[in-house]
Amino acid sequence: MSDDPPDQIALFGGSFNPPHLCHTLATLWVLQTQPIDEVWWIPTFQHAFDKELVDFDQRMAMCERALCELSRVRVDDIERTLGGESRTIDTVDALQKRYENTQFWLIIGADILSEVHRWKNWEGLMERVGLIVVGRRGYDRDDLRDYVASSTDVVDSLDLNLPDISSTGIRDALSDGDYEAVRPWIPRSVLQYIAAHNLYLGQQCH
């Protein structure tokens, strides 16, 4: 990474297991509608809720392929550098110490907001970053307001309603080798990588 990053950076963390079109569509929406200089994808190194993930390097490679046609984006491996269980507030703390003059924002899908009570020091995190909430089909706007109320800076697109693409459903199809079923939901270069490396094939999904 550059030692002199842009002023406004949006962090998009996740398992990316695998990355799919909702991830890329959300990224494009932020880049084209918000005063953000860059979006950084932050793949989870070790999931805090014990979800089984494919190899970190393979997820990094898939993320890079998913973003290859977008500009002002990058994939960052800071959570591998930090090691151990990945916690967003620890990642933000490390980045803020490294880049003291940068304003960081956090991109989060509406489908994840119901889980933030399980996050490490969510309230403290909201005091340190701006929040960009991307709407997803099936998640009611009014039910989500309480989750974002504690943030100093909140931008929401809860009416955007991106498709409700399920990573679990994608992995289930890939487990059976049904590449055609997931072709509409995964960037082509990512699906080619998955097929070439036999990722998810025969794996029991959770």
N, C-alpha and C. Protein backbone atom coordinates (compact mmCIF):
# COMPACT_ATOMS: atom_id res chain seq x y z
N MET A 1 0.83 -1.19 0.00
CA MET A 1 0.00 0.00 0.00
C MET A 1 0.88 1.25 0.00
N SER A 2 0.30 2.32 -0.55
CA SER A 2 1.01 3.58 -0.55
C SER A 2 1.09 4.12 0.87
N ASP A 3 2.19 4.87 1.14
CA ASP A 3 2.32 5.52 2.44
C ASP A 3 1.56 6.84 2.48
N ASP A 4 0.99 7.26 1.36
CA ASP A 4 0.26 8.52 1.28
C ASP A 4 -1.10 8.27 0.63
N PRO A 5 -2.03 7.65 1.36
CA PRO A 5 -3.31 7.28 0.78
C PRO A 5 -4.22 8.50 0.60
N PRO A 6 -5.33 8.34 -0.12
CA PRO A 6 -6.29 9.43 -0.28
C PRO A 6 -6.91 9.85 1.05
N ASP A 7 -7.63 10.98 1.00
CA ASP A 7 -8.22 11.53 2.22
C ASP A 7 -9.41 10.73 2.72
N GLN A 8 -10.22 10.19 1.79
CA GLN A 8 -11.45 9.51 2.16
C GLN A 8 -11.42 8.08 1.61
N ILE A 9 -11.40 7.10 2.51
CA ILE A 9 -11.32 5.70 2.10
C ILE A 9 -12.45 4.93 2.76
N ALA A 10 -13.16 4.16 1.95
CA ALA A 10 -14.22 3.29 2.47
C ALA A 10 -13.70 1.86 2.54
N LEU A 11 -13.83 1.26 3.71
CA LEU A 11 -13.39 -0.11 3.94
C LEU A 11 -14.57 -1.06 3.78
N PHE A 12 -14.37 -2.10 3.01
CA PHE A 12 -15.40 -3.11 2.79
C PHE A 12 -14.83 -4.44 3.24
N GLY A 13 -15.16 -4.84 4.47
CA GLY A 13 -14.65 -6.08 5.01
C GLY A 13 -15.62 -7.22 4.79
N GLY A 14 -15.10 -8.43 4.76
CA GLY A 14 -15.97 -9.58 4.61
C GLY A 14 -15.18 -10.86 4.38
N SER A 15 -15.88 -11.96 4.44
CA SER A 15 -15.24 -13.24 4.18
C SER A 15 -14.89 -13.38 2.71
N PHE A 16 -15.74 -12.83 1.83
CA PHE A 16 -15.57 -12.97 0.39
C PHE A 16 -15.33 -14.44 0.03
N ASN A 17 -16.30 -15.24 0.42
CA ASN A 17 -16.14 -16.70 0.38
C ASN A 17 -17.30 -17.37 -0.37
N PRO A 18 -17.41 -17.11 -1.70
CA PRO A 18 -16.54 -16.30 -2.56
C PRO A 18 -17.09 -14.88 -2.73
N PRO A 19 -16.32 -13.97 -3.33
CA PRO A 19 -16.86 -12.66 -3.69
C PRO A 19 -17.90 -12.82 -4.78
N HIS A 20 -18.99 -12.04 -4.69
CA HIS A 20 -20.05 -12.15 -5.69
C HIS A 20 -20.51 -10.76 -6.13
N LEU A 21 -21.53 -10.72 -6.99
CA LEU A 21 -21.91 -9.47 -7.63
C LEU A 21 -22.46 -8.43 -6.66
N CYS A 22 -23.06 -8.84 -5.55
CA CYS A 22 -23.50 -7.84 -4.58
C CYS A 22 -22.32 -7.07 -4.01
N HIS A 23 -21.20 -7.75 -3.83
CA HIS A 23 -19.99 -7.06 -3.35
C HIS A 23 -19.51 -6.03 -4.37
N THR A 24 -19.47 -6.43 -5.63
CA THR A 24 -18.97 -5.49 -6.66
C THR A 24 -19.98 -4.38 -6.93
N LEU A 25 -21.28 -4.70 -6.91
CA LEU A 25 -22.29 -3.67 -7.13
C LEU A 25 -22.28 -2.64 -6.01
N ALA A 26 -22.14 -3.10 -4.76
CA ALA A 26 -22.08 -2.17 -3.63
C ALA A 26 -20.85 -1.27 -3.75
N THR A 27 -19.74 -1.85 -4.17
CA THR A 27 -18.51 -1.07 -4.33
C THR A 27 -18.68 0.00 -5.40
N LEU A 28 -19.27 -0.39 -6.52
CA LEU A 28 -19.50 0.57 -7.61
C LEU A 28 -20.44 1.68 -7.17
N TRP A 29 -21.50 1.34 -6.42
CA TRP A 29 -22.42 2.36 -5.94
C TRP A 29 -21.70 3.39 -5.05
N VAL A 30 -20.86 2.91 -4.16
CA VAL A 30 -20.12 3.82 -3.28
C VAL A 30 -19.19 4.72 -4.09
N LEU A 31 -18.45 4.15 -5.03
CA LEU A 31 -17.51 4.92 -5.83
C LEU A 31 -18.21 5.99 -6.67
N GLN A 32 -19.41 5.68 -7.17
CA GLN A 32 -20.07 6.59 -8.10
C GLN A 32 -21.00 7.58 -7.42
N THR A 33 -21.36 7.35 -6.16
CA THR A 33 -22.34 8.25 -5.52
C THR A 33 -21.82 8.95 -4.28
N GLN A 34 -20.73 8.49 -3.69
CA GLN A 34 -20.25 9.05 -2.43
C GLN A 34 -18.92 9.78 -2.64
N PRO A 35 -18.61 10.76 -1.77
CA PRO A 35 -17.34 11.48 -1.88
C PRO A 35 -16.18 10.66 -1.32
N ILE A 36 -15.99 9.49 -1.90
CA ILE A 36 -14.97 8.54 -1.46
C ILE A 36 -13.90 8.46 -2.53
N ASP A 37 -12.62 8.54 -2.11
CA ASP A 37 -11.52 8.47 -3.07
C ASP A 37 -11.22 7.04 -3.51
N GLU A 38 -11.25 6.12 -2.56
CA GLU A 38 -10.97 4.72 -2.87
C GLU A 38 -11.81 3.81 -1.98
N VAL A 39 -12.05 2.59 -2.47
CA VAL A 39 -12.65 1.53 -1.66
C VAL A 39 -11.61 0.44 -1.49
N TRP A 40 -11.38 0.03 -0.25
CA TRP A 40 -10.44 -1.06 0.04
C TRP A 40 -11.23 -2.26 0.54
N TRP A 41 -11.11 -3.38 -0.16
CA TRP A 41 -11.68 -4.64 0.33
C TRP A 41 -10.72 -5.25 1.35
N ILE A 42 -11.27 -5.70 2.47
CA ILE A 42 -10.49 -6.27 3.56
C ILE A 42 -10.97 -7.69 3.82
N PRO A 43 -10.39 -8.70 3.17
CA PRO A 43 -10.82 -10.07 3.44
C PRO A 43 -10.51 -10.49 4.88
N THR A 44 -11.46 -11.19 5.47
CA THR A 44 -11.30 -11.72 6.82
C THR A 44 -10.20 -12.79 6.84
N PHE A 45 -9.32 -12.70 7.84
CA PHE A 45 -8.28 -13.72 7.96
C PHE A 45 -8.80 -14.93 8.72
N GLN A 46 -9.30 -14.70 9.92
CA GLN A 46 -9.89 -15.77 10.74
C GLN A 46 -11.24 -15.28 11.23
N HIS A 47 -12.31 -15.96 10.85
CA HIS A 47 -13.65 -15.46 11.15
C HIS A 47 -13.92 -15.50 12.65
N ALA A 48 -14.47 -14.37 13.16
CA ALA A 48 -14.73 -14.26 14.60
C ALA A 48 -15.83 -15.18 15.06
N PHE A 49 -16.72 -15.60 14.14
CA PHE A 49 -17.84 -16.45 14.53
C PHE A 49 -17.65 -17.88 14.03
N ASP A 50 -16.38 -18.26 13.82
CA ASP A 50 -15.99 -19.65 13.53
C ASP A 50 -16.57 -20.18 12.21
N LYS A 51 -16.82 -19.31 11.25
CA LYS A 51 -17.26 -19.78 9.95
C LYS A 51 -16.07 -20.35 9.18
N GLU A 52 -16.30 -21.48 8.53
CA GLU A 52 -15.22 -22.12 7.78
C GLU A 52 -14.99 -21.36 6.48
N LEU A 53 -13.74 -21.06 6.20
CA LEU A 53 -13.37 -20.28 5.01
C LEU A 53 -12.35 -21.04 4.19
N VAL A 54 -12.37 -20.82 2.87
CA VAL A 54 -11.29 -21.37 2.06
C VAL A 54 -10.02 -20.57 2.34
N ASP A 55 -8.91 -21.05 1.82
CA ASP A 55 -7.60 -20.46 2.08
C ASP A 55 -7.59 -18.95 1.84
N PHE A 56 -6.92 -18.21 2.72
CA PHE A 56 -6.89 -16.75 2.63
C PHE A 56 -6.30 -16.29 1.30
N ASP A 57 -5.20 -16.89 0.87
CA ASP A 57 -4.58 -16.47 -0.39
C ASP A 57 -5.53 -16.68 -1.57
N GLN A 58 -6.32 -17.74 -1.52
CA GLN A 58 -7.26 -17.98 -2.60
C GLN A 58 -8.39 -16.95 -2.58
N ARG A 59 -8.83 -16.56 -1.41
CA ARG A 59 -9.86 -15.52 -1.33
C ARG A 59 -9.30 -14.17 -1.77
N MET A 60 -8.05 -13.89 -1.43
CA MET A 60 -7.40 -12.68 -1.93
C MET A 60 -7.38 -12.68 -3.46
N ALA A 61 -7.00 -13.80 -4.04
CA ALA A 61 -6.90 -13.91 -5.49
C ALA A 61 -8.28 -13.72 -6.14
N MET A 62 -9.32 -14.29 -5.54
CA MET A 62 -10.66 -14.11 -6.09
C MET A 62 -11.11 -12.65 -5.99
N CYS A 63 -10.79 -12.00 -4.87
CA CYS A 63 -11.15 -10.59 -4.72
C CYS A 63 -10.46 -9.72 -5.77
N GLU A 64 -9.20 -9.98 -6.02
CA GLU A 64 -8.47 -9.21 -7.02
C GLU A 64 -9.09 -9.40 -8.40
N ARG A 65 -9.53 -10.61 -8.69
CA ARG A 65 -10.18 -10.86 -9.98
C ARG A 65 -11.55 -10.18 -10.05
N ALA A 66 -12.27 -10.17 -8.94
CA ALA A 66 -13.59 -9.55 -8.92
C ALA A 66 -13.51 -8.05 -9.18
N LEU A 67 -12.41 -7.44 -8.80
CA LEU A 67 -12.26 -5.98 -8.91
C LEU A 67 -11.43 -5.54 -10.11
N CYS A 68 -11.02 -6.47 -10.93
CA CYS A 68 -10.04 -6.14 -11.97
C CYS A 68 -10.56 -5.13 -12.98
N GLU A 69 -11.88 -4.98 -13.11
CA GLU A 69 -12.43 -4.03 -14.07
C GLU A 69 -12.86 -2.71 -13.44
N LEU A 70 -12.62 -2.55 -12.14
CA LEU A 70 -12.96 -1.32 -11.45
C LEU A 70 -11.70 -0.54 -11.12
N SER A 71 -11.81 0.78 -11.14
CA SER A 71 -10.70 1.63 -10.73
C SER A 71 -10.97 2.17 -9.33
N ARG A 72 -9.94 2.72 -8.70
CA ARG A 72 -10.01 3.30 -7.36
C ARG A 72 -10.40 2.26 -6.31
N VAL A 73 -9.94 1.03 -6.52
CA VAL A 73 -10.19 -0.03 -5.56
C VAL A 73 -8.89 -0.79 -5.32
N ARG A 74 -8.81 -1.47 -4.19
CA ARG A 74 -7.69 -2.35 -3.91
C ARG A 74 -8.12 -3.41 -2.91
N VAL A 75 -7.37 -4.49 -2.86
CA VAL A 75 -7.59 -5.55 -1.88
C VAL A 75 -6.42 -5.50 -0.91
N ASP A 76 -6.71 -5.45 0.38
CA ASP A 76 -5.67 -5.29 1.38
C ASP A 76 -5.63 -6.49 2.32
N ASP A 77 -4.44 -6.96 2.63
CA ASP A 77 -4.28 -8.16 3.47
C ASP A 77 -3.94 -7.84 4.91
N ILE A 78 -4.37 -6.67 5.40
CA ILE A 78 -3.98 -6.24 6.74
C ILE A 78 -4.42 -7.22 7.81
N GLU A 79 -5.54 -7.91 7.63
CA GLU A 79 -5.99 -8.82 8.68
C GLU A 79 -5.10 -10.05 8.78
N ARG A 80 -4.44 -10.42 7.70
CA ARG A 80 -3.42 -11.47 7.80
C ARG A 80 -2.21 -10.93 8.56
N THR A 81 -1.84 -9.68 8.29
CA THR A 81 -0.72 -9.07 9.00
C THR A 81 -0.98 -9.00 10.49
N LEU A 82 -2.22 -8.65 10.87
CA LEU A 82 -2.58 -8.58 12.28
C LEU A 82 -2.64 -9.96 12.91
N GLY A 83 -3.08 -10.96 12.13
CA GLY A 83 -3.13 -12.34 12.60
C GLY A 83 -4.27 -12.59 13.57
N GLY A 84 -4.53 -13.86 13.81
CA GLY A 84 -5.55 -14.26 14.77
C GLY A 84 -6.95 -13.92 14.31
N GLU A 85 -7.86 -13.87 15.27
CA GLU A 85 -9.28 -13.61 15.00
C GLU A 85 -9.47 -12.19 14.48
N SER A 86 -10.18 -12.06 13.37
CA SER A 86 -10.38 -10.75 12.74
C SER A 86 -11.51 -9.99 13.42
N ARG A 87 -11.21 -8.80 13.87
CA ARG A 87 -12.20 -7.92 14.47
C ARG A 87 -12.07 -6.55 13.80
N THR A 88 -13.21 -6.01 13.33
CA THR A 88 -13.18 -4.79 12.53
C THR A 88 -12.55 -3.62 13.28
N ILE A 89 -12.87 -3.47 14.56
CA ILE A 89 -12.33 -2.33 15.29
C ILE A 89 -10.81 -2.41 15.40
N ASP A 90 -10.26 -3.62 15.50
CA ASP A 90 -8.81 -3.77 15.55
C ASP A 90 -8.18 -3.41 14.20
N THR A 91 -8.85 -3.78 13.13
CA THR A 91 -8.37 -3.44 11.79
C THR A 91 -8.39 -1.93 11.59
N VAL A 92 -9.49 -1.30 11.98
CA VAL A 92 -9.59 0.16 11.85
C VAL A 92 -8.53 0.84 12.70
N ASP A 93 -8.33 0.36 13.92
CA ASP A 93 -7.32 0.94 14.80
C ASP A 93 -5.94 0.90 14.15
N ALA A 94 -5.59 -0.24 13.55
CA ALA A 94 -4.28 -0.38 12.91
C ALA A 94 -4.15 0.56 11.72
N LEU A 95 -5.20 0.68 10.93
CA LEU A 95 -5.15 1.56 9.76
C LEU A 95 -5.09 3.03 10.16
N GLN A 96 -5.83 3.40 11.21
CA GLN A 96 -5.81 4.79 11.64
C GLN A 96 -4.46 5.19 12.22
N LYS A 97 -3.79 4.27 12.85
CA LYS A 97 -2.45 4.55 13.34
C LYS A 97 -1.46 4.71 12.18
N ARG A 98 -1.68 3.94 11.14
CA ARG A 98 -0.78 3.98 9.97
C ARG A 98 -1.03 5.21 9.12
N TYR A 99 -2.30 5.61 9.02
CA TYR A 99 -2.69 6.74 8.15
C TYR A 99 -3.49 7.74 8.97
N GLU A 100 -2.79 8.58 9.71
CA GLU A 100 -3.43 9.46 10.69
C GLU A 100 -4.29 10.54 10.05
N ASN A 101 -4.03 10.90 8.82
CA ASN A 101 -4.76 11.99 8.19
C ASN A 101 -5.90 11.52 7.28
N THR A 102 -6.20 10.25 7.32
CA THR A 102 -7.24 9.69 6.46
C THR A 102 -8.54 9.51 7.23
N GLN A 103 -9.65 9.88 6.61
CA GLN A 103 -10.98 9.60 7.15
C GLN A 103 -11.44 8.25 6.59
N PHE A 104 -11.70 7.31 7.49
CA PHE A 104 -12.15 5.99 7.07
C PHE A 104 -13.67 5.87 7.25
N TRP A 105 -14.26 5.19 6.29
CA TRP A 105 -15.67 4.85 6.32
C TRP A 105 -15.80 3.33 6.28
N LEU A 106 -16.89 2.83 6.77
CA LEU A 106 -17.15 1.39 6.77
C LEU A 106 -18.39 1.11 5.93
N ILE A 107 -18.22 0.26 4.90
CA ILE A 107 -19.35 -0.19 4.09
C ILE A 107 -19.91 -1.45 4.72
N ILE A 108 -21.22 -1.46 4.92
CA ILE A 108 -21.84 -2.64 5.52
C ILE A 108 -23.19 -2.87 4.85
N GLY A 109 -23.49 -4.12 4.56
CA GLY A 109 -24.78 -4.46 3.97
C GLY A 109 -25.87 -4.48 5.02
N ALA A 110 -27.08 -4.13 4.60
CA ALA A 110 -28.21 -4.12 5.53
C ALA A 110 -28.44 -5.50 6.15
N ASP A 111 -28.05 -6.54 5.45
CA ASP A 111 -28.25 -7.89 5.96
C ASP A 111 -27.32 -8.21 7.13
N ILE A 112 -26.25 -7.44 7.28
CA ILE A 112 -25.28 -7.68 8.35
C ILE A 112 -25.61 -6.89 9.61
N LEU A 113 -26.42 -5.85 9.49
CA LEU A 113 -26.67 -4.98 10.62
C LEU A 113 -27.26 -5.71 11.83
N SER A 114 -28.04 -6.74 11.58
CA SER A 114 -28.64 -7.46 12.70
C SER A 114 -27.61 -8.26 13.50
N GLU A 115 -26.38 -8.35 13.00
CA GLU A 115 -25.33 -9.09 13.70
C GLU A 115 -24.38 -8.19 14.49
N VAL A 116 -24.51 -6.87 14.36
CA VAL A 116 -23.47 -5.99 14.92
C VAL A 116 -23.42 -6.04 16.44
N HIS A 117 -24.50 -6.50 17.10
CA HIS A 117 -24.44 -6.62 18.55
C HIS A 117 -23.40 -7.66 18.98
N ARG A 118 -22.97 -8.50 18.05
CA ARG A 118 -21.96 -9.52 18.35
C ARG A 118 -20.55 -9.02 18.04
N TRP A 119 -20.46 -7.85 17.42
CA TRP A 119 -19.15 -7.33 17.05
C TRP A 119 -18.42 -6.79 18.28
N LYS A 120 -17.13 -6.79 18.22
CA LYS A 120 -16.31 -6.23 19.30
C LYS A 120 -16.44 -4.71 19.30
N ASN A 121 -16.98 -4.17 20.40
CA ASN A 121 -17.07 -2.73 20.63
C ASN A 121 -17.66 -1.98 19.43
N TRP A 122 -18.87 -2.37 19.02
CA TRP A 122 -19.55 -1.71 17.90
C TRP A 122 -19.72 -0.22 18.17
N GLU A 123 -20.12 0.14 19.39
CA GLU A 123 -20.33 1.56 19.71
C GLU A 123 -19.04 2.35 19.55
N GLY A 124 -17.94 1.80 20.03
CA GLY A 124 -16.66 2.48 19.87
C GLY A 124 -16.25 2.60 18.41
N LEU A 125 -16.55 1.58 17.63
CA LEU A 125 -16.24 1.62 16.21
C LEU A 125 -17.00 2.75 15.52
N MET A 126 -18.27 2.93 15.88
CA MET A 126 -19.09 3.95 15.26
C MET A 126 -18.65 5.37 15.62
N GLU A 127 -17.88 5.50 16.69
CA GLU A 127 -17.33 6.80 17.04
C GLU A 127 -16.09 7.14 16.22
N ARG A 128 -15.56 6.13 15.50
CA ARG A 128 -14.27 6.32 14.83
C ARG A 128 -14.36 6.34 13.31
N VAL A 129 -15.45 5.81 12.77
CA VAL A 129 -15.60 5.76 11.31
C VAL A 129 -16.98 6.26 10.91
N GLY A 130 -17.09 6.70 9.67
CA GLY A 130 -18.40 6.94 9.09
C GLY A 130 -18.97 5.62 8.61
N LEU A 131 -20.27 5.54 8.49
CA LEU A 131 -20.93 4.30 8.12
C LEU A 131 -21.70 4.48 6.82
N ILE A 132 -21.48 3.58 5.89
CA ILE A 132 -22.22 3.56 4.63
C ILE A 132 -23.00 2.25 4.58
N VAL A 133 -24.31 2.34 4.68
CA VAL A 133 -25.16 1.16 4.72
C VAL A 133 -25.77 0.95 3.33
N VAL A 134 -25.54 -0.22 2.78
CA VAL A 134 -26.05 -0.56 1.45
C VAL A 134 -27.26 -1.47 1.60
N GLY A 135 -28.38 -1.07 1.04
CA GLY A 135 -29.62 -1.81 1.18
C GLY A 135 -29.59 -3.14 0.46
N ARG A 136 -30.32 -4.09 1.00
CA ARG A 136 -30.47 -5.40 0.38
C ARG A 136 -31.95 -5.76 0.37
N ARG A 137 -32.39 -6.43 -0.68
CA ARG A 137 -33.77 -6.86 -0.79
C ARG A 137 -34.15 -7.75 0.40
N GLY A 138 -35.33 -7.46 0.98
CA GLY A 138 -35.82 -8.29 2.08
C GLY A 138 -35.49 -7.74 3.46
N TYR A 139 -34.81 -6.58 3.54
CA TYR A 139 -34.44 -6.02 4.84
C TYR A 139 -35.12 -4.67 4.98
N ASP A 140 -36.06 -4.58 5.93
CA ASP A 140 -36.92 -3.42 6.08
C ASP A 140 -36.15 -2.23 6.62
N ARG A 141 -36.34 -1.09 5.97
CA ARG A 141 -35.64 0.14 6.33
C ARG A 141 -35.91 0.55 7.78
N ASP A 142 -37.17 0.56 8.22
CA ASP A 142 -37.50 1.02 9.57
C ASP A 142 -36.90 0.13 10.65
N ASP A 143 -36.82 -1.16 10.38
CA ASP A 143 -36.28 -2.09 11.36
C ASP A 143 -34.78 -1.90 11.58
N LEU A 144 -34.11 -1.21 10.65
CA LEU A 144 -32.66 -1.09 10.71
C LEU A 144 -32.18 0.22 11.32
N ARG A 145 -33.08 1.18 11.53
CA ARG A 145 -32.66 2.50 11.96
C ARG A 145 -31.89 2.49 13.28
N ASP A 146 -32.33 1.67 14.23
CA ASP A 146 -31.68 1.65 15.54
C ASP A 146 -30.22 1.23 15.46
N TYR A 147 -29.87 0.43 14.47
CA TYR A 147 -28.51 -0.08 14.37
C TYR A 147 -27.52 0.98 13.92
N VAL A 148 -28.02 2.00 13.22
CA VAL A 148 -27.10 3.03 12.70
C VAL A 148 -27.20 4.33 13.47
N ALA A 149 -28.07 4.40 14.46
CA ALA A 149 -28.32 5.65 15.16
C ALA A 149 -27.12 6.15 15.93
N SER A 150 -26.23 5.26 16.36
CA SER A 150 -25.11 5.66 17.21
C SER A 150 -23.93 6.22 16.44
N SER A 151 -23.96 6.13 15.12
CA SER A 151 -22.84 6.60 14.31
C SER A 151 -22.91 8.11 14.10
N THR A 152 -21.76 8.75 14.14
CA THR A 152 -21.69 10.19 13.91
C THR A 152 -22.05 10.52 12.47
N ASP A 153 -21.51 9.77 11.53
CA ASP A 153 -21.73 10.01 10.10
C ASP A 153 -22.32 8.75 9.48
N VAL A 154 -23.55 8.87 8.96
CA VAL A 154 -24.20 7.72 8.35
C VAL A 154 -24.72 8.11 6.98
N VAL A 155 -24.37 7.31 5.99
CA VAL A 155 -24.98 7.41 4.67
C VAL A 155 -25.68 6.09 4.44
N ASP A 156 -26.97 6.13 4.07
CA ASP A 156 -27.64 4.86 3.82
C ASP A 156 -28.29 4.86 2.45
N SER A 157 -28.35 3.67 1.90
CA SER A 157 -29.04 3.44 0.62
C SER A 157 -30.03 2.31 0.83
N LEU A 158 -30.77 2.37 1.91
CA LEU A 158 -31.63 1.25 2.27
C LEU A 158 -32.75 1.04 1.26
N ASP A 159 -32.97 2.03 0.37
CA ASP A 159 -33.95 1.85 -0.70
C ASP A 159 -33.31 1.32 -1.98
N LEU A 160 -31.99 1.12 -1.97
CA LEU A 160 -31.30 0.65 -3.17
C LEU A 160 -31.68 -0.79 -3.51
N ASN A 161 -31.78 -1.64 -2.49
CA ASN A 161 -32.25 -3.01 -2.66
C ASN A 161 -31.45 -3.81 -3.68
N LEU A 162 -30.20 -4.04 -3.38
CA LEU A 162 -29.40 -4.95 -4.18
C LEU A 162 -29.99 -6.36 -4.07
N PRO A 163 -29.72 -7.22 -5.04
CA PRO A 163 -30.27 -8.58 -4.99
C PRO A 163 -29.82 -9.30 -3.72
N ASP A 164 -30.69 -10.13 -3.19
CA ASP A 164 -30.35 -10.89 -1.98
C ASP A 164 -29.62 -12.17 -2.38
N ILE A 165 -28.37 -12.00 -2.81
CA ILE A 165 -27.55 -13.14 -3.22
C ILE A 165 -26.98 -13.79 -1.97
N SER A 166 -27.13 -15.08 -1.86
CA SER A 166 -26.68 -15.82 -0.68
C SER A 166 -25.35 -16.50 -0.96
N SER A 167 -24.33 -16.16 -0.18
CA SER A 167 -23.05 -16.84 -0.30
C SER A 167 -23.20 -18.32 0.03
N THR A 168 -24.05 -18.62 1.00
CA THR A 168 -24.29 -20.02 1.37
C THR A 168 -24.90 -20.78 0.20
N GLY A 169 -25.89 -20.16 -0.45
CA GLY A 169 -26.50 -20.78 -1.61
C GLY A 169 -25.51 -20.99 -2.75
N ILE A 170 -24.63 -20.03 -2.94
CA ILE A 170 -23.60 -20.16 -3.96
C ILE A 170 -22.69 -21.34 -3.65
N ARG A 171 -22.25 -21.44 -2.38
CA ARG A 171 -21.36 -22.54 -2.00
C ARG A 171 -22.07 -23.89 -2.12
N ASP A 172 -23.36 -23.92 -1.81
CA ASP A 172 -24.12 -25.17 -1.96
C ASP A 172 -24.11 -25.64 -3.41
N ALA A 173 -24.35 -24.70 -4.33
CA ALA A 173 -24.35 -25.05 -5.75
C ALA A 173 -22.97 -25.48 -6.21
N LEU A 174 -21.95 -24.77 -5.75
CA LEU A 174 -20.58 -25.11 -6.14
C LEU A 174 -20.16 -26.45 -5.55
N SER A 175 -20.69 -26.78 -4.38
CA SER A 175 -20.38 -28.07 -3.77
C SER A 175 -20.80 -29.22 -4.67
N ASP A 176 -21.91 -29.01 -5.40
CA ASP A 176 -22.41 -30.03 -6.32
C ASP A 176 -21.83 -29.87 -7.72
N GLY A 177 -20.93 -28.89 -7.90
CA GLY A 177 -20.35 -28.66 -9.21
C GLY A 177 -21.30 -28.00 -10.19
N ASP A 178 -22.35 -27.35 -9.68
CA ASP A 178 -23.34 -26.71 -10.54
C ASP A 178 -22.90 -25.28 -10.86
N TYR A 179 -21.96 -25.14 -11.77
CA TYR A 179 -21.42 -23.82 -12.11
C TYR A 179 -22.45 -22.97 -12.85
N GLU A 180 -23.32 -23.59 -13.62
CA GLU A 180 -24.31 -22.82 -14.36
C GLU A 180 -25.28 -22.09 -13.44
N ALA A 181 -25.60 -22.70 -12.30
CA ALA A 181 -26.56 -22.10 -11.38
C ALA A 181 -26.03 -20.79 -10.79
N VAL A 182 -24.73 -20.67 -10.64
CA VAL A 182 -24.17 -19.49 -9.99
C VAL A 182 -23.58 -18.49 -10.99
N ARG A 183 -23.59 -18.84 -12.26
CA ARG A 183 -22.97 -17.97 -13.26
C ARG A 183 -23.51 -16.54 -13.25
N PRO A 184 -24.83 -16.32 -13.01
CA PRO A 184 -25.33 -14.94 -13.00
C PRO A 184 -24.89 -14.13 -11.78
N TRP A 185 -24.34 -14.79 -10.75
CA TRP A 185 -24.11 -14.11 -9.48
C TRP A 185 -22.63 -13.93 -9.12
N ILE A 186 -21.73 -14.48 -9.92
CA ILE A 186 -20.31 -14.40 -9.61
C ILE A 186 -19.57 -13.81 -10.82
N PRO A 187 -18.65 -12.86 -10.60
CA PRO A 187 -17.86 -12.37 -11.73
C PRO A 187 -17.21 -13.52 -12.50
N ARG A 188 -17.22 -13.41 -13.80
CA ARG A 188 -16.76 -14.52 -14.64
C ARG A 188 -15.35 -14.96 -14.29
N SER A 189 -14.45 -14.00 -14.06
CA SER A 189 -13.06 -14.36 -13.75
C SER A 189 -12.95 -15.09 -12.42
N VAL A 190 -13.85 -14.78 -11.49
CA VAL A 190 -13.86 -15.46 -10.19
C VAL A 190 -14.34 -16.90 -10.37
N LEU A 191 -15.40 -17.08 -11.15
CA LEU A 191 -15.92 -18.43 -11.39
C LEU A 191 -14.88 -19.28 -12.11
N GLN A 192 -14.15 -18.70 -13.03
CA GLN A 192 -13.09 -19.43 -13.72
C GLN A 192 -12.01 -19.88 -12.73
N TYR A 193 -11.67 -19.00 -11.79
CA TYR A 193 -10.67 -19.34 -10.77
C TYR A 193 -11.19 -20.47 -9.88
N ILE A 194 -12.45 -20.38 -9.48
CA ILE A 194 -13.05 -21.42 -8.63
C ILE A 194 -13.01 -22.77 -9.33
N ALA A 195 -13.40 -22.80 -10.60
CA ALA A 195 -13.42 -24.05 -11.34
C ALA A 195 -12.01 -24.61 -11.54
N ALA A 196 -11.05 -23.73 -11.82
CA ALA A 196 -9.68 -24.18 -12.08
C ALA A 196 -9.04 -24.78 -10.84
N HIS A 197 -9.46 -24.32 -9.64
CA HIS A 197 -8.86 -24.79 -8.39
C HIS A 197 -9.79 -25.73 -7.62
N ASN A 198 -10.93 -26.10 -8.23
CA ASN A 198 -11.88 -27.02 -7.60
C ASN A 198 -12.31 -26.54 -6.21
N LEU A 199 -12.47 -25.23 -6.05
CA LEU A 199 -12.88 -24.69 -4.75
C LEU A 199 -14.34 -25.04 -4.47
N TYR A 200 -14.61 -25.36 -3.24
CA TYR A 200 -15.94 -25.64 -2.69
C TYR A 200 -16.50 -26.99 -3.16
N LEU A 201 -15.88 -27.62 -4.12
CA LEU A 201 -16.42 -28.86 -4.68
C LEU A 201 -16.48 -29.95 -3.60
N GLY A 202 -17.67 -30.49 -3.38
CA GLY A 202 -17.85 -31.56 -2.41
C GLY A 202 -17.80 -31.12 -0.96
N GLN A 203 -17.73 -29.81 -0.70
CA GLN A 203 -17.67 -29.36 0.67
C GLN A 203 -19.07 -29.23 1.25
N GLN A 204 -19.22 -29.62 2.50
CA GLN A 204 -20.48 -29.46 3.20
C GLN A 204 -20.59 -28.02 3.64
N CYS A 205 -21.63 -27.32 3.22
CA CYS A 205 -21.76 -25.89 3.53
C CYS A 205 -22.55 -25.71 4.84
N HIS A 206 -22.22 -24.62 5.52
CA HIS A 206 -22.86 -24.32 6.81
C HIS A 206 -23.46 -22.92 6.75
